[in-house]
Amino acid sequence: MNIFIDTQLWIYAFKKPQREKFISSEEYKEALQMHSKAVKFISDVLLNHIIYITTHQLAEIFHALAFRGIKTNSRQALNIIEK
C-alpha cells in the first residue's frame, strides 16, 4: 500500500525527548511513549509500504530537526532528509 505519514510522526520518531525539557515526570513518560510508538510505527511502515513524502514535508522535517526544540546538527538533519 502507498501512504503519506504526517510530519509530526516523523519528528516524534527522530527526536528523543530530553528529561530536562519537561516539568513533570508524567509528561516526560508520555513523550517517551509517543517517541517509542512513532519509532515503531515508522519502522513497520518502512518495511511494509511505499511512503510518499512531499517536498514541503521534507523542508518541515529538516526545520524541526535542525532549528526547533532540541536541535540536531544541521548536517545530521540533512542526512536524515536525504535518506
PDB file of N, CA and C in Angstrom:
ATOM      1  N   MET A   1       0.852  -1.172   0.000  1.00  0.00           N
ATOM      2  CA  MET A   1       0.000   0.000   0.000  1.00  0.00           C
ATOM      3  C   MET A   1       0.900   1.239   0.000  1.00  0.00           C
ATOM      4  N   ASN A   2       0.460   2.288  -0.671  1.00  0.00           N
ATOM      5  CA  ASN A   2       1.172   3.560  -0.714  1.00  0.00           C
ATOM      6  C   ASN A   2       0.538   4.513   0.291  1.00  0.00           C
ATOM      7  N   ILE A   3       1.370   5.159   1.121  1.00  0.00           N
ATOM      8  CA  ILE A   3       0.822   6.016   2.167  1.00  0.00           C
ATOM      9  C   ILE A   3       1.632   7.299   2.337  1.00  0.00           C
ATOM     10  N   PHE A   4       1.002   8.296   2.941  1.00  0.00           N
ATOM     11  CA  PHE A   4       1.656   9.503   3.432  1.00  0.00           C
ATOM     12  C   PHE A   4       1.702   9.385   4.950  1.00  0.00           C
ATOM     13  N   ILE A   5       2.738   9.924   5.558  1.00  0.00           N
ATOM     14  CA  ILE A   5       2.843   9.948   7.019  1.00  0.00           C
ATOM     15  C   ILE A   5       2.911  11.405   7.450  1.00  0.00           C
ATOM     16  N   ASP A   6       2.094  11.758   8.415  1.00  0.00           N
ATOM     17  CA  ASP A   6       2.075  13.120   8.912  1.00  0.00           C
ATOM     18  C   ASP A   6       3.462  13.527   9.403  1.00  0.00           C
ATOM     19  N   THR A   7       3.833  14.762   9.143  1.00  0.00           N
ATOM     20  CA  THR A   7       5.145  15.280   9.509  1.00  0.00           C
ATOM     21  C   THR A   7       5.435  15.103  10.992  1.00  0.00           C
ATOM     22  N   GLN A   8       4.457  15.323  11.838  1.00  0.00           N
ATOM     23  CA  GLN A   8       4.686  15.242  13.277  1.00  0.00           C
ATOM     24  C   GLN A   8       5.134  13.847  13.710  1.00  0.00           C
ATOM     25  N   LEU A   9       4.655  12.811  13.036  1.00  0.00           N
ATOM     26  CA  LEU A   9       5.092  11.452  13.373  1.00  0.00           C
ATOM     27  C   LEU A   9       6.580  11.260  13.082  1.00  0.00           C
ATOM     28  N   TRP A  10       7.052  11.826  11.967  1.00  0.00           N
ATOM     29  CA  TRP A  10       8.489  11.758  11.655  1.00  0.00           C
ATOM     30  C   TRP A  10       9.288  12.456  12.748  1.00  0.00           C
ATOM     31  N   ILE A  11       8.802  13.609  13.167  1.00  0.00           N
ATOM     32  CA  ILE A  11       9.506  14.395  14.175  1.00  0.00           C
ATOM     33  C   ILE A  11       9.522  13.656  15.513  1.00  0.00           C
ATOM     34  N   TYR A  12       8.398  13.094  15.921  1.00  0.00           N
ATOM     35  CA  TYR A  12       8.364  12.296  17.155  1.00  0.00           C
ATOM     36  C   TYR A  12       9.368  11.139  17.083  1.00  0.00           C
ATOM     37  N   ALA A  13       9.482  10.517  15.923  1.00  0.00           N
ATOM     38  CA  ALA A  13      10.389   9.376  15.777  1.00  0.00           C
ATOM     39  C   ALA A  13      11.857   9.791  15.818  1.00  0.00           C
ATOM     40  N   PHE A  14      12.183  10.909  15.198  1.00  0.00           N
ATOM     41  CA  PHE A  14      13.590  11.310  15.097  1.00  0.00           C
ATOM     42  C   PHE A  14      14.117  12.078  16.297  1.00  0.00           C
ATOM     43  N   LYS A  15      13.242  12.664  17.089  1.00  0.00           N
ATOM     44  CA  LYS A  15      13.694  13.466  18.225  1.00  0.00           C
ATOM     45  C   LYS A  15      13.305  12.805  19.539  1.00  0.00           C
ATOM     46  N   LYS A  16      14.279  12.238  20.217  1.00  0.00           N
ATOM     47  CA  LYS A  16      14.008  11.604  21.511  1.00  0.00           C
ATOM     48  C   LYS A  16      13.842  12.703  22.563  1.00  0.00           C
ATOM     49  N   PRO A  17      12.785  12.617  23.361  1.00  0.00           N
ATOM     50  CA  PRO A  17      12.549  13.637  24.391  1.00  0.00           C
ATOM     51  C   PRO A  17      13.701  13.699  25.402  1.00  0.00           C
ATOM     52  N   GLN A  18      13.996  14.901  25.848  1.00  0.00           N
ATOM     53  CA  GLN A  18      15.024  15.139  26.857  1.00  0.00           C
ATOM     54  C   GLN A  18      14.347  15.455  28.186  1.00  0.00           C
ATOM     55  N   ARG A  19      14.710  14.748  29.234  1.00  0.00           N
ATOM     56  CA  ARG A  19      14.043  14.867  30.529  1.00  0.00           C
ATOM     57  C   ARG A  19      13.985  16.302  31.043  1.00  0.00           C
ATOM     58  N   GLU A  20      15.061  17.053  30.887  1.00  0.00           N
ATOM     59  CA  GLU A  20      15.131  18.408  31.441  1.00  0.00           C
ATOM     60  C   GLU A  20      14.151  19.388  30.790  1.00  0.00           C
ATOM     61  N   LYS A  21      13.561  19.018  29.690  1.00  0.00           N
ATOM     62  CA  LYS A  21      12.612  19.900  28.997  1.00  0.00           C
ATOM     63  C   LYS A  21      11.176  19.747  29.502  1.00  0.00           C
ATOM     64  N   PHE A  22      10.951  18.834  30.447  1.00  0.00           N
ATOM     65  CA  PHE A  22       9.604  18.568  30.929  1.00  0.00           C
ATOM     66  C   PHE A  22       9.471  18.936  32.399  1.00  0.00           C
ATOM     67  N   ILE A  23       8.350  19.519  32.747  1.00  0.00           N
ATOM     68  CA  ILE A  23       8.095  19.932  34.124  1.00  0.00           C
ATOM     69  C   ILE A  23       7.889  18.716  35.019  1.00  0.00           C
ATOM     70  N   SER A  24       7.088  17.769  34.563  1.00  0.00           N
ATOM     71  CA  SER A  24       6.788  16.604  35.404  1.00  0.00           C
ATOM     72  C   SER A  24       7.284  15.322  34.751  1.00  0.00           C
ATOM     73  N   SER A  25       7.473  14.324  35.591  1.00  0.00           N
ATOM     74  CA  SER A  25       7.903  13.025  35.072  1.00  0.00           C
ATOM     75  C   SER A  25       6.785  12.366  34.268  1.00  0.00           C
ATOM     76  N   GLU A  26       5.525  12.700  34.593  1.00  0.00           N
ATOM     77  CA  GLU A  26       4.382  12.168  33.831  1.00  0.00           C
ATOM     78  C   GLU A  26       4.435  12.643  32.371  1.00  0.00           C
ATOM     79  N   GLU A  27       4.655  13.945  32.184  1.00  0.00           N
ATOM     80  CA  GLU A  27       4.744  14.488  30.820  1.00  0.00           C
ATOM     81  C   GLU A  27       5.911  13.868  30.065  1.00  0.00           C
ATOM     82  N   TYR A  28       7.029  13.694  30.756  1.00  0.00           N
ATOM     83  CA  TYR A  28       8.205  13.092  30.134  1.00  0.00           C
ATOM     84  C   TYR A  28       7.914  11.650  29.709  1.00  0.00           C
ATOM     85  N   LYS A  29       7.261  10.883  30.588  1.00  0.00           N
ATOM     86  CA  LYS A  29       6.918   9.497  30.266  1.00  0.00           C
ATOM     87  C   LYS A  29       5.979   9.425  29.065  1.00  0.00           C
ATOM     88  N   GLU A  30       5.011  10.339  29.016  1.00  0.00           N
ATOM     89  CA  GLU A  30       4.095  10.382  27.863  1.00  0.00           C
ATOM     90  C   GLU A  30       4.856  10.683  26.577  1.00  0.00           C
ATOM     91  N   ALA A  31       5.781  11.630  26.648  1.00  0.00           N
ATOM     92  CA  ALA A  31       6.576  11.981  25.468  1.00  0.00           C
ATOM     93  C   ALA A  31       7.443  10.806  25.027  1.00  0.00           C
ATOM     94  N   LEU A  32       8.021  10.084  25.982  1.00  0.00           N
ATOM     95  CA  LEU A  32       8.819   8.898  25.647  1.00  0.00           C
ATOM     96  C   LEU A  32       7.962   7.821  24.989  1.00  0.00           C
ATOM     97  N   GLN A  33       6.736   7.655  25.484  1.00  0.00           N
ATOM     98  CA  GLN A  33       5.827   6.678  24.879  1.00  0.00           C
ATOM     99  C   GLN A  33       5.482   7.074  23.443  1.00  0.00           C
ATOM    100  N   MET A  34       5.206   8.368  23.227  1.00  0.00           N
ATOM    101  CA  MET A  34       4.907   8.832  21.860  1.00  0.00           C
ATOM    102  C   MET A  34       6.112   8.609  20.955  1.00  0.00           C
ATOM    103  N   HIS A  35       7.297   8.891  21.462  1.00  0.00           N
ATOM    104  CA  HIS A  35       8.522   8.678  20.685  1.00  0.00           C
ATOM    105  C   HIS A  35       8.658   7.200  20.310  1.00  0.00           C
ATOM    106  N   SER A  36       8.508   6.313  21.296  1.00  0.00           N
ATOM    107  CA  SER A  36       8.636   4.871  21.050  1.00  0.00           C
ATOM    108  C   SER A  36       7.599   4.371  20.049  1.00  0.00           C
ATOM    109  N   LYS A  37       6.366   4.823  20.204  1.00  0.00           N
ATOM    110  CA  LYS A  37       5.302   4.418  19.275  1.00  0.00           C
ATOM    111  C   LYS A  37       5.590   4.926  17.862  1.00  0.00           C
ATOM    112  N   ALA A  38       6.085   6.154  17.761  1.00  0.00           N
ATOM    113  CA  ALA A  38       6.397   6.720  16.439  1.00  0.00           C
ATOM    114  C   ALA A  38       7.540   5.956  15.780  1.00  0.00           C
ATOM    115  N   VAL A  39       8.570   5.613  16.551  1.00  0.00           N
ATOM    116  CA  VAL A  39       9.699   4.838  16.003  1.00  0.00           C
ATOM    117  C   VAL A  39       9.206   3.493  15.498  1.00  0.00           C
ATOM    118  N   LYS A  40       8.405   2.815  16.298  1.00  0.00           N
ATOM    119  CA  LYS A  40       7.882   1.507  15.889  1.00  0.00           C
ATOM    120  C   LYS A  40       6.996   1.632  14.651  1.00  0.00           C
ATOM    121  N   PHE A  41       6.125   2.628  14.643  1.00  0.00           N
ATOM    122  CA  PHE A  41       5.231   2.829  13.508  1.00  0.00           C
ATOM    123  C   PHE A  41       6.039   3.084  12.232  1.00  0.00           C
ATOM    124  N   ILE A  42       6.985   4.008  12.302  1.00  0.00           N
ATOM    125  CA  ILE A  42       7.799   4.332  11.122  1.00  0.00           C
ATOM    126  C   ILE A  42       8.568   3.100  10.658  1.00  0.00           C
ATOM    127  N   SER A  43       9.159   2.366  11.578  1.00  0.00           N
ATOM    128  CA  SER A  43       9.906   1.150  11.216  1.00  0.00           C
ATOM    129  C   SER A  43       9.015   0.130  10.520  1.00  0.00           C
ATOM    130  N   ASP A  44       7.845  -0.111  11.079  1.00  0.00           N
ATOM    131  CA  ASP A  44       6.904  -1.065  10.478  1.00  0.00           C
ATOM    132  C   ASP A  44       6.460  -0.614   9.093  1.00  0.00           C
ATOM    133  N   VAL A  45       6.170   0.666   8.984  1.00  0.00           N
ATOM    134  CA  VAL A  45       5.692   1.198   7.706  1.00  0.00           C
ATOM    135  C   VAL A  45       6.783   1.124   6.636  1.00  0.00           C
ATOM    136  N   LEU A  46       8.025   1.425   7.013  1.00  0.00           N
ATOM    137  CA  LEU A  46       9.125   1.372   6.044  1.00  0.00           C
ATOM    138  C   LEU A  46       9.314  -0.033   5.485  1.00  0.00           C
ATOM    139  N   LEU A  47       9.029  -1.024   6.300  1.00  0.00           N
ATOM    140  CA  LEU A  47       9.187  -2.413   5.854  1.00  0.00           C
ATOM    141  C   LEU A  47       8.037  -2.899   4.987  1.00  0.00           C
ATOM    142  N   ASN A  48       6.855  -2.339   5.173  1.00  0.00           N
ATOM    143  CA  ASN A  48       5.662  -2.918   4.561  1.00  0.00           C
ATOM    144  C   ASN A  48       4.923  -2.044   3.550  1.00  0.00           C
ATOM    145  N   HIS A  49       5.371  -0.811   3.355  1.00  0.00           N
ATOM    146  CA  HIS A  49       4.632   0.096   2.484  1.00  0.00           C
ATOM    147  C   HIS A  49       5.574   0.988   1.679  1.00  0.00           C
ATOM    148  N   ILE A  50       5.028   1.571   0.655  1.00  0.00           N
ATOM    149  CA  ILE A  50       5.734   2.628  -0.073  1.00  0.00           C
ATOM    150  C   ILE A  50       5.257   3.941   0.512  1.00  0.00           C
ATOM    151  N   ILE A  51       6.198   4.756   0.948  1.00  0.00           N
ATOM    152  CA  ILE A  51       5.855   6.019   1.595  1.00  0.00           C
ATOM    153  C   ILE A  51       6.063   7.160   0.609  1.00  0.00           C
ATOM    154  N   TYR A  52       5.045   7.978   0.492  1.00  0.00           N
ATOM    155  CA  TYR A  52       5.147   9.193  -0.298  1.00  0.00           C
ATOM    156  C   TYR A  52       5.395  10.350   0.653  1.00  0.00           C
ATOM    157  N   ILE A  53       6.212  11.284   0.215  1.00  0.00           N
ATOM    158  CA  ILE A  53       6.503  12.451   1.037  1.00  0.00           C
ATOM    159  C   ILE A  53       6.649  13.657   0.107  1.00  0.00           C
ATOM    160  N   THR A  54       6.122  14.768   0.527  1.00  0.00           N
ATOM    161  CA  THR A  54       6.189  15.969  -0.308  1.00  0.00           C
ATOM    162  C   THR A  54       7.456  16.756   0.009  1.00  0.00           C
ATOM    163  N   THR A  55       7.829  17.622  -0.899  1.00  0.00           N
ATOM    164  CA  THR A  55       8.993  18.486  -0.641  1.00  0.00           C
ATOM    165  C   THR A  55       8.705  19.421   0.531  1.00  0.00           C
ATOM    166  N   HIS A  56       7.446  19.807   0.686  1.00  0.00           N
ATOM    167  CA  HIS A  56       7.079  20.643   1.828  1.00  0.00           C
ATOM    168  C   HIS A  56       7.328  19.887   3.137  1.00  0.00           C
ATOM    169  N   GLN A  57       6.966  18.614   3.177  1.00  0.00           N
ATOM    170  CA  GLN A  57       7.208  17.804   4.374  1.00  0.00           C
ATOM    171  C   GLN A  57       8.701  17.678   4.655  1.00  0.00           C
ATOM    172  N   LEU A  58       9.490  17.462   3.614  1.00  0.00           N
ATOM    173  CA  LEU A  58      10.940  17.368   3.802  1.00  0.00           C
ATOM    174  C   LEU A  58      11.497  18.636   4.429  1.00  0.00           C
ATOM    175  N   ALA A  59      11.050  19.790   3.920  1.00  0.00           N
ATOM    176  CA  ALA A  59      11.511  21.068   4.476  1.00  0.00           C
ATOM    177  C   ALA A  59      11.053  21.229   5.918  1.00  0.00           C
ATOM    178  N   GLU A  60       9.827  20.823   6.199  1.00  0.00           N
ATOM    179  CA  GLU A  60       9.279  20.926   7.551  1.00  0.00           C
ATOM    180  C   GLU A  60      10.040  20.027   8.533  1.00  0.00           C
ATOM    181  N   ILE A  61      10.343  18.814   8.115  1.00  0.00           N
ATOM    182  CA  ILE A  61      11.085  17.884   8.963  1.00  0.00           C
ATOM    183  C   ILE A  61      12.491  18.415   9.216  1.00  0.00           C
ATOM    184  N   PHE A  62      13.159  18.886   8.160  1.00  0.00           N
ATOM    185  CA  PHE A  62      14.505  19.450   8.319  1.00  0.00           C
ATOM    186  C   PHE A  62      14.481  20.616   9.300  1.00  0.00           C
ATOM    187  N   HIS A  63      13.527  21.520   9.133  1.00  0.00           N
ATOM    188  CA  HIS A  63      13.424  22.682  10.022  1.00  0.00           C
ATOM    189  C   HIS A  63      13.203  22.239  11.470  1.00  0.00           C
ATOM    190  N   ALA A  64      12.317  21.284  11.679  1.00  0.00           N
ATOM    191  CA  ALA A  64      12.033  20.806  13.039  1.00  0.00           C
ATOM    192  C   ALA A  64      13.262  20.146  13.663  1.00  0.00           C
ATOM    193  N   LEU A  65      13.992  19.374  12.869  1.00  0.00           N
ATOM    194  CA  LEU A  65      15.167  18.685  13.400  1.00  0.00           C
ATOM    195  C   LEU A  65      16.322  19.642  13.688  1.00  0.00           C
ATOM    196  N   ALA A  66      16.559  20.577  12.788  1.00  0.00           N
ATOM    197  CA  ALA A  66      17.744  21.428  12.889  1.00  0.00           C
ATOM    198  C   ALA A  66      17.529  22.717  13.679  1.00  0.00           C
ATOM    199  N   PHE A  67      16.280  23.185  13.798  1.00  0.00           N
ATOM    200  CA  PHE A  67      16.083  24.515  14.361  1.00  0.00           C
ATOM    201  C   PHE A  67      15.073  24.624  15.499  1.00  0.00           C
ATOM    202  N   ARG A  68      14.308  23.573  15.793  1.00  0.00           N
ATOM    203  CA  ARG A  68      13.288  23.653  16.852  1.00  0.00           C
ATOM    204  C   ARG A  68      13.611  22.713  18.005  1.00  0.00           C
ATOM    205  N   GLY A  69      13.308  23.168  19.212  1.00  0.00           N
ATOM    206  CA  GLY A  69      13.480  22.316  20.394  1.00  0.00           C
ATOM    207  C   GLY A  69      14.915  21.875  20.560  1.00  0.00           C
ATOM    208  N   ILE A  70      15.097  20.600  20.893  1.00  0.00           N
ATOM    209  CA  ILE A  70      16.440  20.029  20.970  1.00  0.00           C
ATOM    210  C   ILE A  70      16.929  19.911  19.536  1.00  0.00           C
ATOM    211  N   LYS A  71      17.935  20.679  19.199  1.00  0.00           N
ATOM    212  CA  LYS A  71      18.381  20.757  17.809  1.00  0.00           C
ATOM    213  C   LYS A  71      19.332  19.625  17.446  1.00  0.00           C
ATOM    214  N   THR A  72      19.099  19.073  16.275  1.00  0.00           N
ATOM    215  CA  THR A  72      20.004  18.103  15.685  1.00  0.00           C
ATOM    216  C   THR A  72      21.001  18.893  14.846  1.00  0.00           C
ATOM    217  N   ASN A  73      22.224  18.441  14.813  1.00  0.00           N
ATOM    218  CA  ASN A  73      23.219  19.056  13.943  1.00  0.00           C
ATOM    219  C   ASN A  73      22.635  19.159  12.535  1.00  0.00           C
ATOM    220  N   SER A  74      22.784  20.308  11.877  1.00  0.00           N
ATOM    221  CA  SER A  74      22.149  20.504  10.566  1.00  0.00           C
ATOM    222  C   SER A  74      22.652  19.499   9.524  1.00  0.00           C
ATOM    223  N   ARG A  75      23.902  19.072   9.622  1.00  0.00           N
ATOM    224  CA  ARG A  75      24.428  18.063   8.682  1.00  0.00           C
ATOM    225  C   ARG A  75      23.718  16.725   8.937  1.00  0.00           C
ATOM    226  N   GLN A  76      23.537  16.376  10.201  1.00  0.00           N
ATOM    227  CA  GLN A  76      22.838  15.142  10.559  1.00  0.00           C
ATOM    228  C   GLN A  76      21.381  15.205  10.105  1.00  0.00           C
ATOM    229  N   ALA A  77      20.737  16.361  10.284  1.00  0.00           N
ATOM    230  CA  ALA A  77      19.346  16.541   9.840  1.00  0.00           C
ATOM    231  C   ALA A  77      19.265  16.372   8.321  1.00  0.00           C
ATOM    232  N   LEU A  78      20.230  16.926   7.605  1.00  0.00           N
ATOM    233  CA  LEU A  78      20.250  16.799   6.143  1.00  0.00           C
ATOM    234  C   LEU A  78      20.434  15.343   5.730  1.00  0.00           C
ATOM    235  N   ASN A  79      21.303  14.628   6.439  1.00  0.00           N
ATOM    236  CA  ASN A  79      21.493  13.194   6.142  1.00  0.00           C
ATOM    237  C   ASN A  79      20.190  12.411   6.319  1.00  0.00           C
ATOM    238  N   ILE A  80      19.442  12.734   7.362  1.00  0.00           N
ATOM    239  CA  ILE A  80      18.150  12.067   7.588  1.00  0.00           C
ATOM    240  C   ILE A  80      17.219  12.349   6.423  1.00  0.00           C
ATOM    241  N   ILE A  81      17.138  13.604   6.011  1.00  0.00           N
ATOM    242  CA  ILE A  81      16.258  14.005   4.911  1.00  0.00           C
ATOM    243  C   ILE A  81      16.665  13.333   3.609  1.00  0.00           C
ATOM    244  N   GLU A  82      17.951  13.236   3.350  1.00  0.00           N
ATOM    245  CA  GLU A  82      18.419  12.626   2.106  1.00  0.00           C
ATOM    246  C   GLU A  82      18.087  11.142   2.040  1.00  0.00           C
ATOM    247  N   LYS A  83      18.021  10.480   3.180  1.00  0.00           N
ATOM    248  CA  LYS A  83      17.677   9.049   3.190  1.00  0.00           C
ATOM    249  C   LYS A  83      16.210   8.864   2.894  1.00  0.00           C
TER     250      LYS A  83
END
